[in-house]
C-alpha atoms as a PDB file:
ATOM      1  CA  GLN A   1     -18.920  -0.462   8.571  1.00  0.00           C
ATOM      2  CA  LEU A   2     -21.673   1.021   6.459  1.00  0.00           C
ATOM      3  CA  ALA A   3     -19.584   0.646   3.307  1.00  0.00           C
ATOM      4  CA  THR A   4     -19.381  -3.131   3.744  1.00  0.00           C
ATOM      5  CA  GLN A   5     -23.105  -3.370   4.463  1.00  0.00           C
ATOM      6  CA  ILE A   6     -23.956  -1.684   1.163  1.00  0.00           C
ATOM      7  CA  ASN A   7     -21.189  -3.560  -0.717  1.00  0.00           C
ATOM      8  CA  ALA A   8     -19.259  -0.381  -1.530  1.00  0.00           C
ATOM      9  CA  GLN A   9     -15.708  -0.877  -2.695  1.00  0.00           C
ATOM     10  CA  VAL A  10     -14.547   2.665  -1.916  1.00  0.00           C
ATOM     11  CA  ALA A  11     -15.532   5.091   0.815  1.00  0.00           C
ATOM     12  CA  LEU A  12     -14.692   8.766   1.167  1.00  0.00           C
ATOM     13  CA  CYS A  13     -14.125  10.189   4.638  1.00  0.00           C
ATOM     14  CA  ALA A  14     -13.441  13.873   5.225  1.00  0.00           C
ATOM     15  CA  THR A  15     -14.072  16.763   7.562  1.00  0.00           C
ATOM     16  CA  TYR A  16     -16.024  19.608   5.994  1.00  0.00           C
ATOM     17  CA  THR A  17     -16.592  23.061   7.467  1.00  0.00           C
ATOM     18  CA  GLU A  18     -18.264  26.045   5.921  1.00  0.00           C
ATOM     19  CA  ASP A  19     -18.307  29.742   6.785  1.00  0.00           C
ATOM     20  CA  ARG A  20     -21.188  31.302   4.880  1.00  0.00           C
ATOM     21  CA  GLN A  21     -20.194  34.861   5.692  1.00  0.00           C
ATOM     22  CA  THR A  22     -16.762  34.564   4.076  1.00  0.00           C
ATOM     23  CA  GLU A  23     -17.891  31.878   1.600  1.00  0.00           C
ATOM     24  CA  THR A  24     -15.008  29.710   2.777  1.00  0.00           C
ATOM     25  CA  ARG A  25     -15.152  25.936   2.688  1.00  0.00           C
ATOM     26  CA  ASP A  26     -12.529  23.750   4.275  1.00  0.00           C
ATOM     27  CA  LEU A  27     -12.037  20.069   3.473  1.00  0.00           C
ATOM     28  CA  SER A  28      -9.545  18.274   5.687  1.00  0.00           C
ATOM     29  CA  ALA A  29      -8.643  14.771   6.870  1.00  0.00           C
ATOM     30  CA  ILE A  30      -9.591  13.498   3.406  1.00  0.00           C
ATOM     31  CA  GLN A  31      -9.211   9.756   2.916  1.00  0.00           C
ATOM     32  CA  PHE A  32     -10.418   7.339   0.288  1.00  0.00           C
ATOM     33  CA  TRP A  33     -10.748   3.866   1.781  1.00  0.00           C
ATOM     34  CA  ASP A  34     -10.381   0.726  -0.307  1.00  0.00           C
ATOM     35  CA  ILE A  35     -12.861  -1.495   1.490  1.00  0.00           C
ATOM     36  CA  THR A  36     -11.420  -4.730   0.078  1.00  0.00           C
ATOM     37  CA  THR A  37      -7.900  -4.093   1.425  1.00  0.00           C
ATOM     38  CA  GLY A  38      -8.851  -1.892   4.365  1.00  0.00           C
ATOM     39  CA  GLU A  39      -6.246   0.668   3.284  1.00  0.00           C
ATOM     40  CA  ALA A  40      -6.623   4.421   3.022  1.00  0.00           C
ATOM     41  CA  LEU A  41      -5.333   6.847   0.439  1.00  0.00           C
ATOM     42  CA  ASP A  42      -4.664  10.112   2.255  1.00  0.00           C
ATOM     43  CA  VAL A  43      -5.433  13.293   0.330  1.00  0.00           C
ATOM     44  CA  GLU A  44      -4.151  16.712   1.310  1.00  0.00           C
ATOM     45  CA  GLY A  45      -6.860  19.061   2.542  1.00  0.00           C
ATOM     46  CA  ILE A  46      -8.065  22.116   0.652  1.00  0.00           C
ATOM     47  CA  THR A  47      -9.599  25.465   1.549  1.00  0.00           C
ATOM     48  CA  VAL A  48     -11.667  27.220  -1.103  1.00  0.00           C
ATOM     49  CA  THR A  49     -13.402  30.578  -1.077  1.00  0.00           C
ATOM     50  CA  GLY A  50     -15.786  32.513  -3.248  1.00  0.00           C
ATOM     51  CA  LYS A  51     -18.888  31.795  -5.232  1.00  0.00           C
ATOM     52  CA  GLU A  52     -17.297  28.888  -7.108  1.00  0.00           C
ATOM     53  CA  ALA A  53     -15.965  27.240  -3.940  1.00  0.00           C
ATOM     54  CA  LYS A  54     -18.341  24.262  -4.123  1.00  0.00           C
ATOM     55  CA  VAL A  55     -17.353  23.585  -7.738  1.00  0.00           C
ATOM     56  CA  GLU A  56     -13.660  23.925  -6.957  1.00  0.00           C
ATOM     57  CA  ALA A  57     -13.961  21.569  -3.967  1.00  0.00           C
ATOM     58  CA  ALA A  58     -15.897  19.034  -6.058  1.00  0.00           C
ATOM     59  CA  GLU A  59     -13.269  19.136  -8.815  1.00  0.00           C
ATOM     60  CA  TYR A  60     -10.543  18.603  -6.217  1.00  0.00           C
ATOM     61  CA  ILE A  61     -12.315  15.546  -4.791  1.00  0.00           C
ATOM     62  CA  PHE A  62     -12.944  14.210  -8.292  1.00  0.00           C
ATOM     63  CA  ALA A  63      -9.228  14.496  -9.123  1.00  0.00           C
ATOM     64  CA  ALA A  64      -8.365  12.688  -5.886  1.00  0.00           C
ATOM     65  CA  PHE A  65     -10.906   9.985  -6.717  1.00  0.00           C
ATOM     66  CA  ASP A  66      -9.267   9.601 -10.120  1.00  0.00           C
ATOM     67  CA  ARG A  67      -5.966   9.011  -8.290  1.00  0.00           C
ATOM     68  CA  MET A  68      -7.707   6.312  -6.239  1.00  0.00           C
ATOM     69  CA  ILE A  69      -8.869   4.628  -9.450  1.00  0.00           C
ATOM     70  CA  GLU A  70      -5.323   4.743 -10.860  1.00  0.00           C
ATOM     71  CA  LEU A  71      -4.063   3.213  -7.609  1.00  0.00           C
ATOM     72  CA  ALA A  72      -6.625   0.406  -7.752  1.00  0.00           C
ATOM     73  CA  LYS A  73      -5.744  -0.348 -11.394  1.00  0.00           C
ATOM     74  CA  ALA A  74      -2.013  -0.449 -10.662  1.00  0.00           C
ATOM     75  CA  GLN A  75      -2.593  -2.728  -7.659  1.00  0.00           C
ATOM     76  CA  GLN A  76      -4.771  -5.079  -9.700  1.00  0.00           C
ATOM     77  CA  PHE A  77      -2.261  -5.225 -12.561  1.00  0.00           C
ATOM     78  CA  CYS A  78       0.519  -5.836 -10.047  1.00  0.00           C
ATOM     79  CA  ALA A  79      -1.419  -8.800  -8.642  1.00  0.00           C
ATOM     80  CA  ASP A  80      -2.414 -10.163 -12.061  1.00  0.00           C
ATOM     81  CA  TYR A  81       1.112  -9.994 -13.456  1.00  0.00           C
ATOM     82  CA  ALA A  82       2.521 -11.530 -10.275  1.00  0.00           C
ATOM     83  CA  ASN A  83       0.050 -14.414 -10.514  1.00  0.00           C
ATOM     84  CA  SER A  84       1.192 -15.054 -14.082  1.00  0.00           C
ATOM     85  CA  ARG A  85       4.844 -14.737 -13.009  1.00  0.00           C
ATOM     86  CA  GLN A  86       5.533 -11.760 -15.283  1.00  0.00           C
ATOM     87  CA  TRP A  87       7.852 -10.182 -12.744  1.00  0.00           C
ATOM     88  CA  ASP A  88       8.939  -7.048 -14.618  1.00  0.00           C
ATOM     89  CA  ASN A  89       5.370  -6.019 -15.399  1.00  0.00           C
ATOM     90  CA  ALA A  90       4.294  -6.853 -11.862  1.00  0.00           C
ATOM     91  CA  MET A  91       7.093  -4.775 -10.336  1.00  0.00           C
ATOM     92  CA  GLY A  92       6.357  -1.824 -12.621  1.00  0.00           C
ATOM     93  CA  ASN A  93       2.741  -1.775 -11.512  1.00  0.00           C
ATOM     94  CA  CYS A  94       3.597  -2.299  -7.839  1.00  0.00           C
ATOM     95  CA  ASP A  95       6.009   0.628  -8.024  1.00  0.00           C
ATOM     96  CA  LYS A  96       3.358   2.780  -9.720  1.00  0.00           C
ATOM     97  CA  ALA A  97       0.859   1.900  -6.972  1.00  0.00           C
ATOM     98  CA  LEU A  98       3.412   2.706  -4.265  1.00  0.00           C
ATOM     99  CA  GLU A  99       4.153   6.062  -5.908  1.00  0.00           C
ATOM    100  CA  LEU A 100       0.456   6.869  -5.647  1.00  0.00           C
ATOM    101  CA  ASN A 101       0.181   5.561  -2.084  1.00  0.00           C
ATOM    102  CA  PRO A 102       3.411   4.734  -0.215  1.00  0.00           C
ATOM    103  CA  ASN A 103       1.264   3.450   2.675  1.00  0.00           C
ATOM    104  CA  ALA A 104      -0.356   0.665   0.625  1.00  0.00           C
ATOM    105  CA  MET A 105       0.956  -2.211   2.736  1.00  0.00           C
ATOM    106  CA  THR A 106      -0.894  -4.868   0.735  1.00  0.00           C
ATOM    107  CA  THR A 107       1.014  -3.754  -2.352  1.00  0.00           C
ATOM    108  CA  ARG A 108       4.267  -3.547  -0.410  1.00  0.00           C
ATOM    109  CA  GLN A 109       3.714  -7.109   0.861  1.00  0.00           C
ATOM    110  CA  ARG A 110       3.023  -8.272  -2.696  1.00  0.00           C
ATOM    111  CA  LYS A 111       6.199  -6.543  -3.904  1.00  0.00           C
ATOM    112  CA  ALA A 112       8.191  -8.344  -1.207  1.00  0.00           C
ATOM    113  CA  ARG A 113       6.720 -11.657  -2.363  1.00  0.00           C
ATOM    114  CA  ILE A 114       7.579 -10.894  -6.010  1.00  0.00           C
ATOM    115  CA  LEU A 115      11.182 -10.095  -5.056  1.00  0.00           C
ATOM    116  CA  PHE A 116      11.273 -13.287  -2.992  1.00  0.00           C
ATOM    117  CA  GLU A 117      10.020 -15.334  -5.964  1.00  0.00           C
ATOM    118  CA  GLN A 118      12.579 -13.698  -8.245  1.00  0.00           C
ATOM    119  CA  ALA A 119      15.316 -14.612  -5.788  1.00  0.00           C
ATOM    120  CA  GLN A 120      14.096 -18.217  -5.683  1.00  0.00           C
ATOM    121  CA  GLU A 121      14.308 -18.446  -9.493  1.00  0.00           C
ATOM    122  CA  GLU A 122      17.658 -16.669  -9.813  1.00  0.00           C
ATOM    123  CA  THR A 123      20.786 -18.753 -10.464  1.00  0.00           C
ATOM    124  CA  ASP A 124      23.338 -15.947 -10.130  1.00  0.00           C
ATOM    125  CA  GLU A 125      24.196 -15.752  -6.417  1.00  0.00           C
ATOM    126  CA  GLN A 126      24.798 -11.989  -6.390  1.00  0.00           C
ATOM    127  CA  LEU A 127      21.451 -11.268  -8.048  1.00  0.00           C
ATOM    128  CA  LYS A 128      19.729 -13.759  -5.766  1.00  0.00           C
ATOM    129  CA  LYS A 129      21.148 -11.979  -2.728  1.00  0.00           C
ATOM    130  CA  ALA A 130      20.103  -8.581  -4.118  1.00  0.00           C
ATOM    131  CA  PHE A 131      16.512  -9.801  -4.610  1.00  0.00           C
ATOM    132  CA  PHE A 132      16.448 -11.195  -1.077  1.00  0.00           C
ATOM    133  CA  GLN A 133      17.811  -7.917   0.345  1.00  0.00           C
ATOM    134  CA  ARG A 134      15.177  -5.874  -1.480  1.00  0.00           C
ATOM    135  CA  SER A 135      12.478  -8.288  -0.337  1.00  0.00           C
ATOM    136  CA  LEU A 136      13.609  -8.005   3.289  1.00  0.00           C
ATOM    137  CA  LYS A 137      13.579  -4.209   3.051  1.00  0.00           C
ATOM    138  CA  GLU A 138       9.946  -4.275   1.871  1.00  0.00           C
ATOM    139  CA  LEU A 139       9.048  -6.778   4.589  1.00  0.00           C
ATOM    140  CA  GLU A 140      10.605  -4.560   7.234  1.00  0.00           C
ATOM    141  CA  THR A 141       8.476  -1.662   5.986  1.00  0.00           C
ATOM    142  CA  VAL A 142       5.361  -3.837   6.284  1.00  0.00           C
ATOM    143  CA  LEU A 143       6.409  -4.913   9.777  1.00  0.00           C
ATOM    144  CA  GLY A 144       7.108  -1.300  10.737  1.00  0.00           C
ATOM    145  CA  ASN A 145       3.469  -0.595   9.910  1.00  0.00           C
ATOM    146  CA  ASN A 146       2.125  -3.819  11.444  1.00  0.00           C
ATOM    147  CA  PRO A 147       4.580  -5.654  13.728  1.00  0.00           C
ATOM    148  CA  PHE A 148       2.188  -8.630  13.932  1.00  0.00           C
ATOM    149  CA  HIS A 149       1.845  -9.334  10.190  1.00  0.00           C
ATOM    150  CA  GLU A 150       2.224 -13.121  10.222  1.00  0.00           C
ATOM    151  CA  GLU A 151       3.158 -13.678   6.581  1.00  0.00           C
ATOM    152  CA  ALA A 152       5.737 -10.872   6.677  1.00  0.00           C
ATOM    153  CA  LEU A 153       7.288 -12.288   9.868  1.00  0.00           C
ATOM    154  CA  GLN A 154       7.553 -15.770   8.375  1.00  0.00           C
ATOM    155  CA  ARG A 155       8.997 -14.589   5.092  1.00  0.00           C
ATOM    156  CA  ALA A 156      11.420 -12.175   6.817  1.00  0.00           C
ATOM    157  CA  GLY A 157      12.689 -15.072   8.920  1.00  0.00           C
ATOM    158  CA  TYR A 158      13.316 -17.225   5.873  1.00  0.00           C
ATOM    159  CA  VAL A 159      14.881 -14.382   3.886  1.00  0.00           C
ATOM    160  CA  SER A 160      17.185 -13.457   6.769  1.00  0.00           C
ATOM    161  CA  ILE A 161      18.466 -17.025   6.889  1.00  0.00           C
ATOM    162  CA  GLN A 162      19.028 -16.968   3.116  1.00  0.00           C
ATOM    163  CA  LEU A 163      21.070 -13.792   3.647  1.00  0.00           C
ATOM    164  CA  ASP A 164      23.310 -15.647   6.138  1.00  0.00           C
ATOM    165  CA  ASP A 165      21.714 -13.978   9.158  1.00  0.00           C
ATOM    166  CA  PRO A 166      20.426 -16.898  11.240  1.00  0.00           C
ATOM    167  CA  GLU A 167      20.100 -14.690  14.339  1.00  0.00           C
ATOM    168  CA  GLY A 168      17.872 -12.236  12.470  1.00  0.00           C
ATOM    169  CA  GLY A 169      15.854 -15.161  11.126  1.00  0.00           C
ATOM    170  CA  ARG A 170      15.446 -16.547  14.648  1.00  0.00           C
ATOM    171  CA  VAL A 171      14.167 -13.174  15.888  1.00  0.00           C
ATOM    172  CA  TYR A 172      11.551 -12.981  13.122  1.00  0.00           C
ATOM    173  CA  TYR A 173      10.445 -16.576  13.727  1.00  0.00           C
ATOM    174  CA  GLU A 174      10.191 -15.985  17.487  1.00  0.00           C
ATOM    175  CA  ARG A 175       8.017 -12.926  16.854  1.00  0.00           C
ATOM    176  CA  TYR A 176       5.882 -15.022  14.511  1.00  0.00           C
ATOM    177  CA  LEU A 177       5.447 -17.722  17.148  1.00  0.00           C
ATOM    178  CA  GLU A 178       4.464 -15.132  19.739  1.00  0.00           C
ATOM    179  CA  VAL A 179       1.750 -13.850  17.419  1.00  0.00           C
ATOM    180  CA  ASN A 180       0.567 -17.276  16.353  1.00  0.00           C
END
């Protein structure tokens, strides 16, 4: 809440404990939050000891922050290329972002939309079906994370019907109507 009040785009949350006798510092539950998407990048905790522990911990956080910057760049390029319908470049950047943070549901949703758009443009029926199948897989991942995601429910319903699964499409549309 404070991050939005001060117009921060990224927030760092972590648990920090220190034992001065053993010069041990423990950082755990580390997360960088992208305030614009509301998504977190989880970072593995670290325990450091000795006189240089503070420096080592700071370097670790800096490296994790650098990963957050790389994630944000890949997500932005994914969106920009998708908006200009440069599908291969968009997919490459979406995949890079998902490598950095597999839990980035906004990126996963965008990837599903890109695959959907590619299917819509495809004339070869086998390729069209393959794009739709990949799109549905991404949508199911989004829905596994948030079963009430309206856009994912709608698109999954449509895609299921395109994949000759009218019953699956009906289920997605019913779930959408329950939410809406």
